[in-house]
Amino acid sequence: MRSLLKRVCAVAFVAALAPITASAQAYPSRPIKMIVPFPAGGTTDVVARLVAQKMSESMGQPVTVDNRGGAGGNIGADAMAKAAPDGYTIMMHNLSFPLAAVAQGLAGRLPFNVDTDFAGVSIAIYVPFIWTANPTVPAKDLRELANLLKADPSLQYNYGSTGPGSTMHVLGEAFRKEAGVNIMHIPFKGAAPLKQELLAGRIQVGGDQLATSLGEVKAGTLKALATTASKRISILPDVPTVKELGYPNLELEGWNGVFAPAKTPKDIIDRLNKEVVAAVRHPDVAKRLADMGAEAVGSSPAAQDAILRKQMDQFRGIIREMKIDQ
């Protein structure tokens, strides 16, 4: 009797595991949504669409981009944090994620916990961050901009960012403090509307990932003032780094990466990682990225988690000191 009971229990245990195993093996069995927490047209959106297309081809299910801009990327991040951890909702974010999360977290206005609500999938690309200006601004680089503003305090210059607590917001406030200049922050919901206002001359200075404005910089419709990279970038060799210009605290390495909700099963994270890595390293995609001034990476999930937490630690003290008003 005892032996029979053991066999019955064993059969029941295997039967209970079967749906889980079948579910994992069947993934994905329906379309996947990739949230981009910015409007269409920016670097993160472009990279997401390149990756989503390749993932759709290789996974046999559509991977669609869902743009949810606002609050420096935190609206889209909040939607992702609240999604089911089943691999059918993922997110492509960028350097603004740790910045905005820390800034709004310190202000007590963060609806999610970055440390517990997200799982890294892969760093997709590294891409420099660039300061740009409307061509009418009579300064060839960031140091000349500071000298211009200090020489004439009556100048009413504005700098645009992709939202409160975003990369450009933090860098802009750091620049304002370090250079001792008067320049006002104008937030936008994403890189595309920021660039439109910059091109129109309604704001004088802005900044975002290089790919967003590379075409305009090469065409001369926007002026490159500096990059935040650690060394000059080959695609724009005449543009100085912030460190060269005397602002080493403004140096930042930019990235785009894919996240999933926390508690997403490891086998699904591993599958997503494999797909993202293959997508960004595909020759066609890698070339397109290089043309945008970005470097295809494709890292491990652990590396994605590590860079997020490292930059949060790096920025927490800076943002607290800046007392950025959210």
Protein backbone atom coordinates (compact mmCIF):
# COMPACT_ATOMS: atom_id res chain seq x y z
CA MET A 1 0.00 0.00 0.00
CA ARG A 2 2.81 2.40 0.99
CA SER A 3 4.64 1.65 -2.29
CA LEU A 4 1.47 2.28 -4.28
CA LEU A 5 0.92 5.58 -2.47
CA LYS A 6 4.45 6.68 -3.32
CA ARG A 7 3.86 5.90 -7.00
CA VAL A 8 0.59 7.83 -7.00
CA CYS A 9 2.27 10.85 -5.38
CA ALA A 10 5.12 10.73 -7.86
CA VAL A 11 2.73 10.64 -10.80
CA ALA A 12 0.75 13.54 -9.34
CA PHE A 13 3.95 15.57 -8.83
CA VAL A 14 5.07 15.02 -12.43
CA ALA A 15 1.59 15.90 -13.68
CA ALA A 16 1.68 19.13 -11.69
CA LEU A 17 5.02 20.09 -13.24
CA ALA A 18 3.91 19.29 -16.78
CA PRO A 19 1.99 22.54 -17.46
CA ILE A 20 4.93 24.61 -16.19
CA THR A 21 7.39 22.75 -18.38
CA ALA A 22 5.09 22.90 -21.37
CA SER A 23 4.52 26.61 -20.80
CA ALA A 24 8.25 27.32 -20.64
CA GLN A 25 8.91 25.29 -23.77
CA ALA A 26 6.06 26.99 -25.63
CA TYR A 27 7.30 30.52 -24.94
CA PRO A 28 6.46 32.67 -26.75
CA SER A 29 2.98 31.52 -27.72
CA ARG A 30 1.58 35.01 -28.32
CA PRO A 31 2.83 38.51 -29.22
CA ILE A 32 5.37 40.29 -27.01
CA LYS A 33 5.08 44.00 -26.15
CA MET A 34 8.24 46.09 -25.81
CA ILE A 35 7.56 49.31 -23.91
CA VAL A 36 9.60 52.35 -24.92
CA PRO A 37 9.12 55.02 -22.23
CA PHE A 38 9.60 57.88 -24.73
CA PRO A 39 7.74 59.12 -27.83
CA ALA A 40 8.57 57.73 -31.25
CA GLY A 41 11.58 59.11 -33.08
CA GLY A 42 14.26 59.13 -30.38
CA THR A 43 17.28 56.83 -30.14
CA THR A 44 15.63 54.41 -27.71
CA ASP A 45 12.63 54.07 -30.03
CA VAL A 46 14.81 53.49 -33.11
CA VAL A 47 16.94 50.86 -31.35
CA ALA A 48 13.84 49.16 -29.92
CA ARG A 49 12.28 48.85 -33.37
CA LEU A 50 15.46 47.38 -34.86
CA VAL A 51 15.68 44.82 -32.05
CA ALA A 52 11.93 44.07 -32.08
CA GLN A 53 11.98 43.34 -35.80
CA LYS A 54 14.79 40.80 -35.50
CA MET A 55 13.21 39.22 -32.42
CA SER A 56 9.91 38.87 -34.29
CA GLU A 57 11.67 37.05 -37.11
CA SER A 58 13.54 34.64 -34.86
CA MET A 59 10.88 34.02 -32.18
CA GLY A 60 7.97 33.41 -34.53
CA GLN A 61 5.73 35.91 -32.73
CA PRO A 62 5.31 39.67 -33.27
CA VAL A 63 7.33 41.90 -30.93
CA THR A 64 5.58 45.26 -31.01
CA VAL A 65 6.82 48.62 -29.68
CA ASP A 66 4.53 50.48 -27.28
CA ASN A 67 5.58 54.15 -26.80
CA ARG A 68 4.64 55.53 -23.37
CA GLY A 69 6.46 58.82 -22.90
CA GLY A 70 6.53 61.15 -19.91
CA ALA A 71 8.16 61.83 -16.53
CA GLY A 72 11.67 61.19 -17.82
CA GLY A 73 10.73 57.62 -18.76
CA ASN A 74 9.09 56.73 -15.46
CA ILE A 75 5.53 56.42 -16.83
CA GLY A 76 6.58 53.61 -19.14
CA ALA A 77 8.79 52.07 -16.46
CA ASP A 78 5.86 52.04 -14.03
CA ALA A 79 3.69 50.23 -16.58
CA MET A 80 6.43 47.65 -17.03
CA ALA A 81 6.90 47.22 -13.28
CA LYS A 82 3.20 46.38 -12.91
CA ALA A 83 3.12 43.96 -15.86
CA ALA A 84 2.83 40.20 -15.38
CA PRO A 85 6.29 38.56 -15.08
CA ASP A 86 5.66 36.17 -17.95
CA GLY A 87 7.97 37.49 -20.67
CA TYR A 88 5.21 39.10 -22.72
CA THR A 89 5.93 42.65 -21.56
CA ILE A 90 9.52 43.92 -21.70
CA MET A 91 11.07 47.39 -21.88
CA MET A 92 13.86 49.16 -23.75
CA HIS A 93 15.23 52.00 -21.61
CA ASN A 94 18.42 54.07 -21.43
CA LEU A 95 20.71 56.03 -19.13
CA SER A 96 17.75 58.17 -18.04
CA PHE A 97 16.37 55.19 -16.11
CA PRO A 98 18.73 55.31 -13.12
CA LEU A 99 18.83 59.11 -13.22
CA ALA A 100 15.07 59.69 -13.25
CA ALA A 101 14.48 56.87 -10.79
CA VAL A 102 16.92 58.35 -8.28
CA ALA A 103 15.74 61.93 -8.78
CA GLN A 104 12.06 61.17 -8.38
CA GLY A 105 12.75 58.59 -5.69
CA LEU A 106 14.51 61.22 -3.58
CA ALA A 107 11.53 63.51 -4.16
CA GLY A 108 9.20 60.77 -2.89
CA ARG A 109 7.33 60.52 -6.18
CA LEU A 110 8.42 57.15 -7.52
CA PRO A 111 5.59 54.60 -7.94
CA PHE A 112 7.95 51.63 -8.26
CA ASN A 113 11.11 50.25 -6.68
CA VAL A 114 14.02 50.00 -9.11
CA ASP A 115 15.85 47.59 -6.81
CA THR A 116 13.02 45.06 -6.62
CA ASP A 117 10.65 45.56 -9.57
CA PHE A 118 12.95 45.00 -12.58
CA ALA A 119 15.15 42.26 -13.98
CA GLY A 120 17.94 42.99 -16.44
CA VAL A 121 17.89 41.20 -19.79
CA SER A 122 20.75 42.75 -21.77
CA ILE A 123 22.61 45.97 -22.47
CA ALA A 124 21.79 46.34 -26.15
CA ILE A 125 24.10 49.20 -27.14
CA TYR A 126 26.54 51.79 -25.88
CA VAL A 127 25.88 55.23 -27.35
CA PRO A 128 27.51 58.57 -26.46
CA PHE A 129 25.48 61.43 -25.04
CA ILE A 130 25.93 64.76 -26.83
CA TRP A 131 25.27 68.41 -25.98
CA THR A 132 23.78 70.31 -28.92
CA ALA A 133 22.78 73.90 -29.67
CA ASN A 134 20.83 75.83 -32.25
CA PRO A 135 23.30 77.20 -34.85
CA THR A 136 22.41 80.78 -33.87
CA VAL A 137 24.13 80.29 -30.50
CA PRO A 138 27.52 82.07 -30.84
CA ALA A 139 29.58 79.39 -29.06
CA LYS A 140 31.49 76.54 -30.64
CA ASP A 141 31.65 74.34 -27.53
CA LEU A 142 30.36 74.02 -23.98
CA ARG A 143 33.12 76.14 -22.44
CA GLU A 144 32.42 78.97 -24.85
CA LEU A 145 28.73 78.70 -23.96
CA ALA A 146 29.61 79.16 -20.29
CA ASN A 147 31.82 82.16 -21.10
CA LEU A 148 29.03 83.66 -23.20
CA LEU A 149 26.46 83.34 -20.42
CA LYS A 150 28.83 84.70 -17.78
CA ALA A 151 29.77 87.66 -19.96
CA ASP A 152 26.13 88.64 -20.44
CA PRO A 153 23.90 87.55 -17.51
CA SER A 154 20.90 89.12 -19.25
CA LEU A 155 20.89 86.37 -21.90
CA GLN A 156 17.75 84.27 -21.41
CA TYR A 157 18.96 80.89 -22.63
CA ASN A 158 17.02 77.67 -22.08
CA TYR A 159 18.17 74.06 -22.20
CA GLY A 160 15.77 71.24 -23.04
CA SER A 161 15.64 67.74 -21.61
CA THR A 162 13.49 64.64 -22.05
CA GLY A 163 11.84 65.25 -18.70
CA PRO A 164 12.42 65.91 -15.00
CA GLY A 165 15.29 63.84 -13.64
CA SER A 166 16.38 62.79 -17.15
CA THR A 167 20.02 62.69 -18.21
CA MET A 168 20.03 66.15 -19.74
CA HIS A 169 18.18 67.61 -16.76
CA VAL A 170 20.81 66.35 -14.34
CA LEU A 171 23.69 67.32 -16.62
CA GLY A 172 22.15 70.74 -17.24
CA GLU A 173 21.85 71.46 -13.53
CA ALA A 174 25.38 70.18 -12.94
CA PHE A 175 26.65 72.47 -15.71
CA ARG A 176 24.72 75.43 -14.34
CA LYS A 177 26.27 74.90 -10.91
CA GLU A 178 29.83 74.15 -12.04
CA ALA A 179 29.99 76.96 -14.61
CA GLY A 180 28.10 79.43 -12.44
CA VAL A 181 25.72 80.41 -15.24
CA ASN A 182 22.04 81.24 -15.55
CA ILE A 183 20.21 78.86 -17.89
CA MET A 184 16.63 77.63 -17.49
CA HIS A 185 15.39 74.04 -17.77
CA ILE A 186 12.55 73.25 -20.21
CA PRO A 187 11.32 69.62 -19.97
CA PHE A 188 9.82 67.66 -22.89
CA LYS A 189 8.22 64.22 -23.13
CA GLY A 190 10.97 62.80 -25.30
CA ALA A 191 13.92 63.42 -27.59
CA ALA A 192 11.85 64.03 -30.73
CA PRO A 193 9.88 67.06 -29.43
CA LEU A 194 13.04 68.38 -27.75
CA LYS A 195 14.88 68.28 -31.07
CA GLN A 196 12.02 69.99 -32.90
CA GLU A 197 12.11 72.94 -30.51
CA LEU A 198 15.89 73.08 -30.68
CA LEU A 199 15.85 73.15 -34.49
CA ALA A 200 13.20 75.87 -34.43
CA GLY A 201 15.31 77.96 -32.06
CA ARG A 202 12.66 78.13 -29.35
CA ILE A 203 15.24 76.65 -26.98
CA GLN A 204 18.96 77.26 -27.38
CA VAL A 205 20.62 74.16 -25.91
CA GLY A 206 19.69 70.52 -25.48
CA GLY A 207 21.12 67.06 -25.33
CA ASP A 208 20.35 63.41 -25.87
CA GLN A 209 21.94 60.26 -27.16
CA LEU A 210 24.11 60.88 -30.22
CA ALA A 211 21.93 58.94 -32.63
CA THR A 212 19.02 61.31 -32.05
CA SER A 213 20.81 64.32 -33.54
CA LEU A 214 23.74 62.92 -35.53
CA GLY A 215 22.10 63.67 -38.89
CA GLU A 216 21.35 67.26 -37.93
CA VAL A 217 24.86 67.79 -36.55
CA LYS A 218 26.39 66.50 -39.79
CA ALA A 219 24.02 68.68 -41.82
CA GLY A 220 24.83 71.76 -39.76
CA THR A 221 21.27 72.36 -38.60
CA LEU A 222 22.41 71.64 -35.04
CA LYS A 223 25.75 72.46 -33.45
CA ALA A 224 27.61 69.89 -31.32
CA LEU A 225 29.04 71.48 -28.17
CA ALA A 226 30.52 68.42 -26.43
CA THR A 227 30.10 64.71 -25.82
CA THR A 228 30.02 63.08 -22.39
CA ALA A 229 32.12 60.12 -23.58
CA SER A 230 35.51 59.39 -22.00
CA LYS A 231 37.28 60.05 -25.32
CA ARG A 232 36.46 61.69 -28.65
CA ILE A 233 34.21 59.59 -30.83
CA SER A 234 35.39 58.56 -34.28
CA ILE A 235 32.20 59.57 -36.07
CA LEU A 236 32.58 63.21 -34.82
CA PRO A 237 36.33 63.58 -34.21
CA ASP A 238 36.24 67.39 -33.98
CA VAL A 239 33.74 67.48 -31.10
CA PRO A 240 35.51 67.76 -27.71
CA THR A 241 34.61 65.80 -24.59
CA VAL A 242 33.27 67.52 -21.49
CA LYS A 243 36.43 66.51 -19.65
CA GLU A 244 38.61 68.26 -22.24
CA LEU A 245 36.56 71.40 -21.73
CA GLY A 246 37.05 71.39 -17.97
CA TYR A 247 33.87 69.62 -16.82
CA PRO A 248 34.96 66.09 -15.79
CA ASN A 249 31.91 65.67 -13.52
CA LEU A 250 29.67 65.77 -16.60
CA GLU A 251 31.29 62.66 -18.09
CA LEU A 252 28.80 59.78 -18.56
CA GLU A 253 28.75 56.64 -20.70
CA GLY A 254 25.36 56.16 -22.36
CA TRP A 255 23.55 52.89 -23.03
CA ASN A 256 20.26 51.32 -24.04
CA GLY A 257 19.12 48.10 -22.43
CA VAL A 258 16.23 45.67 -22.17
CA PHE A 259 14.44 44.91 -18.90
CA ALA A 260 11.68 42.55 -17.80
CA PRO A 261 9.48 42.61 -14.70
CA ALA A 262 11.04 41.14 -11.57
CA LYS A 263 10.19 37.49 -10.91
CA THR A 264 10.18 36.68 -14.62
CA PRO A 265 11.33 33.02 -14.76
CA LYS A 266 15.04 32.55 -15.40
CA ASP A 267 14.48 30.38 -18.47
CA ILE A 268 12.44 33.18 -20.06
CA ILE A 269 15.06 35.81 -19.14
CA ASP A 270 17.71 33.56 -20.70
CA ARG A 271 15.65 33.20 -23.88
CA LEU A 272 15.07 36.95 -24.11
CA ASN A 273 18.77 37.58 -23.52
CA LYS A 274 19.70 35.20 -26.31
CA GLU A 275 17.27 36.94 -28.69
CA VAL A 276 18.39 40.49 -27.84
CA VAL A 277 22.07 39.59 -28.17
CA ALA A 278 21.46 37.93 -31.53
CA ALA A 279 19.40 40.91 -32.71
CA VAL A 280 21.95 43.64 -31.93
CA ARG A 281 24.86 41.55 -33.22
CA HIS A 282 23.13 40.74 -36.51
CA PRO A 283 25.33 42.27 -39.24
CA ASP A 284 22.53 44.43 -40.67
CA VAL A 285 21.55 45.79 -37.26
CA ALA A 286 25.15 46.27 -36.09
CA LYS A 287 25.89 48.30 -39.22
CA ARG A 288 22.78 50.43 -38.78
CA LEU A 289 23.77 51.05 -35.17
CA ALA A 290 27.32 51.99 -36.15
CA ASP A 291 25.93 54.47 -38.68
CA MET A 292 24.00 56.03 -35.78
CA GLY A 293 27.16 56.35 -33.70
CA ALA A 294 26.20 53.43 -31.44
CA GLU A 295 28.09 50.25 -30.56
CA ALA A 296 26.26 46.91 -30.56
CA VAL A 297 26.88 45.13 -27.25
CA GLY A 298 24.56 42.34 -26.16
CA SER A 299 25.52 41.70 -22.53
CA SER A 300 24.49 39.20 -19.88
CA PRO A 301 21.51 39.93 -17.60
CA ALA A 302 23.94 40.30 -14.69
CA ALA A 303 25.85 43.03 -16.53
CA GLN A 304 22.60 44.89 -17.19
CA ASP A 305 21.65 44.73 -13.51
CA ALA A 306 25.14 45.84 -12.50
CA ILE A 307 25.28 48.95 -14.69
CA LEU A 308 21.85 50.08 -13.49
CA ARG A 309 22.77 49.82 -9.84
CA LYS A 310 26.26 51.28 -10.32
CA GLN A 311 24.86 54.39 -11.99
CA MET A 312 22.12 54.75 -9.40
CA ASP A 313 24.80 54.80 -6.72
CA GLN A 314 26.87 57.24 -8.79
CA PHE A 315 23.99 59.67 -9.31
CA ARG A 316 22.30 59.47 -5.92
CA GLY A 317 24.80 61.77 -4.23
CA ILE A 318 24.95 64.14 -7.21
CA ILE A 319 21.18 64.50 -7.47
CA ARG A 320 20.75 64.93 -3.73
CA GLU A 321 23.38 67.68 -3.79
CA MET A 322 21.76 69.36 -6.80
CA LYS A 323 18.36 69.43 -5.03
CA ILE A 324 16.70 69.06 -8.41
CA ASP A 325 13.10 70.21 -8.10
CA GLN A 326 10.76 67.57 -9.43
